[in-house]
Amino acid sequence: MKNSIIDEVRAARAALAEEHGYDRKKILEWARREQAELKSRIPNKSEQARPGKPGKPGKPSDQVGLSTGAPIL
């Protein structure tokens, strides 16, 4: 049984390996650069606008987790 998605992933992986000369270190460096670039394009949640009136913080329930360092979901 052939799965077109699996075939596509395998082809992409093979092309990536060939592009970097089958060198794991080069592939890892590429992956780290790509991840850093992706992270730089995603806005930080702490920089996003919070609910409430401009210039005033929202309700205390909107601020849950900010002071404790808990992740914001």
C-alpha atoms as a PDB file:
ATOM      1  CA  MET A   1       0.000   0.000   0.000  1.00  0.00           C
ATOM      2  CA  LYS A   2       1.444   3.364  -1.043  1.00  0.00           C
ATOM      3  CA  ASN A   3       0.852   6.525   0.931  1.00  0.00           C
ATOM      4  CA  SER A   4       1.448   9.730  -1.027  1.00  0.00           C
ATOM      5  CA  ILE A   5       2.149  11.792   2.100  1.00  0.00           C
ATOM      6  CA  ILE A   6       4.850   9.388   3.297  1.00  0.00           C
ATOM      7  CA  ASP A   7       6.372   9.361  -0.187  1.00  0.00           C
ATOM      8  CA  GLU A   8       6.408  13.180  -0.223  1.00  0.00           C
ATOM      9  CA  VAL A   9       8.096  13.383   3.194  1.00  0.00           C
ATOM     10  CA  ARG A  10      10.714  10.829   2.199  1.00  0.00           C
ATOM     11  CA  ALA A  11      11.436  12.688  -1.043  1.00  0.00           C
ATOM     12  CA  ALA A  12      11.813  15.991   0.820  1.00  0.00           C
ATOM     13  CA  ARG A  13      14.129  14.361   3.367  1.00  0.00           C
ATOM     14  CA  ALA A  14      16.244  12.815   0.610  1.00  0.00           C
ATOM     15  CA  ALA A  15      16.490  16.154  -1.212  1.00  0.00           C
ATOM     16  CA  LEU A  16      17.530  17.930   1.984  1.00  0.00           C
ATOM     17  CA  ALA A  17      20.204  15.325   2.709  1.00  0.00           C
ATOM     18  CA  GLU A  18      21.534  15.534  -0.842  1.00  0.00           C
ATOM     19  CA  GLU A  19      21.520  19.354  -0.716  1.00  0.00           C
ATOM     20  CA  HIS A  20      23.767  19.273   2.371  1.00  0.00           C
ATOM     21  CA  GLY A  21      26.061  16.529   1.106  1.00  0.00           C
ATOM     22  CA  TYR A  22      24.629  13.928   3.488  1.00  0.00           C
ATOM     23  CA  ASP A  23      26.498  15.723   6.313  1.00  0.00           C
ATOM     24  CA  ARG A  24      24.556  15.560   9.585  1.00  0.00           C
ATOM     25  CA  LYS A  25      26.297  18.614  11.015  1.00  0.00           C
ATOM     26  CA  LYS A  26      25.356  20.736   8.008  1.00  0.00           C
ATOM     27  CA  ILE A  27      21.764  19.521   8.172  1.00  0.00           C
ATOM     28  CA  LEU A  28      21.604  20.315  11.894  1.00  0.00           C
ATOM     29  CA  GLU A  29      23.057  23.791  11.332  1.00  0.00           C
ATOM     30  CA  TRP A  30      20.465  24.398   8.625  1.00  0.00           C
ATOM     31  CA  ALA A  31      17.660  23.210  10.913  1.00  0.00           C
ATOM     32  CA  ARG A  32      18.821  25.517  13.728  1.00  0.00           C
ATOM     33  CA  ARG A  33      18.977  28.511  11.369  1.00  0.00           C
ATOM     34  CA  GLU A  34      15.502  27.739  10.068  1.00  0.00           C
ATOM     35  CA  GLN A  35      14.124  27.395  13.592  1.00  0.00           C
ATOM     36  CA  ALA A  36      15.696  30.683  14.698  1.00  0.00           C
ATOM     37  CA  GLU A  37      14.248  32.443  11.660  1.00  0.00           C
ATOM     38  CA  LEU A  38      10.833  30.984  12.361  1.00  0.00           C
ATOM     39  CA  LYS A  39      10.971  32.062  16.015  1.00  0.00           C
ATOM     40  CA  SER A  40      11.938  35.588  14.992  1.00  0.00           C
ATOM     41  CA  ARG A  41       8.774  35.863  12.866  1.00  0.00           C
ATOM     42  CA  ILE A  42       6.408  34.658  15.609  1.00  0.00           C
ATOM     43  CA  PRO A  43       5.357  37.496  17.938  1.00  0.00           C
ATOM     44  CA  ASN A  44       6.221  37.083  21.598  1.00  0.00           C
ATOM     45  CA  LYS A  45       3.081  36.650  23.718  1.00  0.00           C
ATOM     46  CA  SER A  46       4.339  39.219  26.232  1.00  0.00           C
ATOM     47  CA  GLU A  47       4.464  41.791  23.409  1.00  0.00           C
ATOM     48  CA  GLN A  48       0.908  41.139  22.257  1.00  0.00           C
ATOM     49  CA  ALA A  49      -1.877  43.491  23.327  1.00  0.00           C
ATOM     50  CA  ARG A  50      -3.684  42.544  26.493  1.00  0.00           C
ATOM     51  CA  PRO A  51      -7.456  42.817  26.878  1.00  0.00           C
ATOM     52  CA  GLY A  52      -8.760  45.968  28.532  1.00  0.00           C
ATOM     53  CA  LYS A  53      -8.797  49.661  27.794  1.00  0.00           C
ATOM     54  CA  PRO A  54      -5.761  51.213  26.134  1.00  0.00           C
ATOM     55  CA  GLY A  55      -3.283  52.359  28.753  1.00  0.00           C
ATOM     56  CA  LYS A  56      -4.999  50.371  31.502  1.00  0.00           C
ATOM     57  CA  PRO A  57      -4.470  46.739  32.395  1.00  0.00           C
ATOM     58  CA  GLY A  58      -7.315  44.312  31.898  1.00  0.00           C
ATOM     59  CA  LYS A  59      -9.095  42.432  34.644  1.00  0.00           C
ATOM     60  CA  PRO A  60      -6.900  40.636  37.189  1.00  0.00           C
ATOM     61  CA  SER A  61      -8.031  37.348  35.661  1.00  0.00           C
ATOM     62  CA  ASP A  62      -6.468  38.481  32.345  1.00  0.00           C
ATOM     63  CA  GLN A  63      -3.100  38.715  34.082  1.00  0.00           C
ATOM     64  CA  VAL A  64      -3.126  35.221  35.636  1.00  0.00           C
ATOM     65  CA  GLY A  65       0.226  33.517  35.329  1.00  0.00           C
ATOM     66  CA  LEU A  66       2.194  36.583  34.295  1.00  0.00           C
ATOM     67  CA  SER A  67       3.823  37.179  37.659  1.00  0.00           C
ATOM     68  CA  THR A  68       4.436  33.510  38.388  1.00  0.00           C
ATOM     69  CA  GLY A  69       6.119  32.765  35.102  1.00  0.00           C
ATOM     70  CA  ALA A  70       3.492  30.166  34.266  1.00  0.00           C
ATOM     71  CA  PRO A  71       2.948  29.661  30.538  1.00  0.00           C
ATOM     72  CA  ILE A  72       0.121  31.543  28.901  1.00  0.00           C
ATOM     73  CA  LEU A  73      -2.068  29.180  26.934  1.00  0.00           C
END
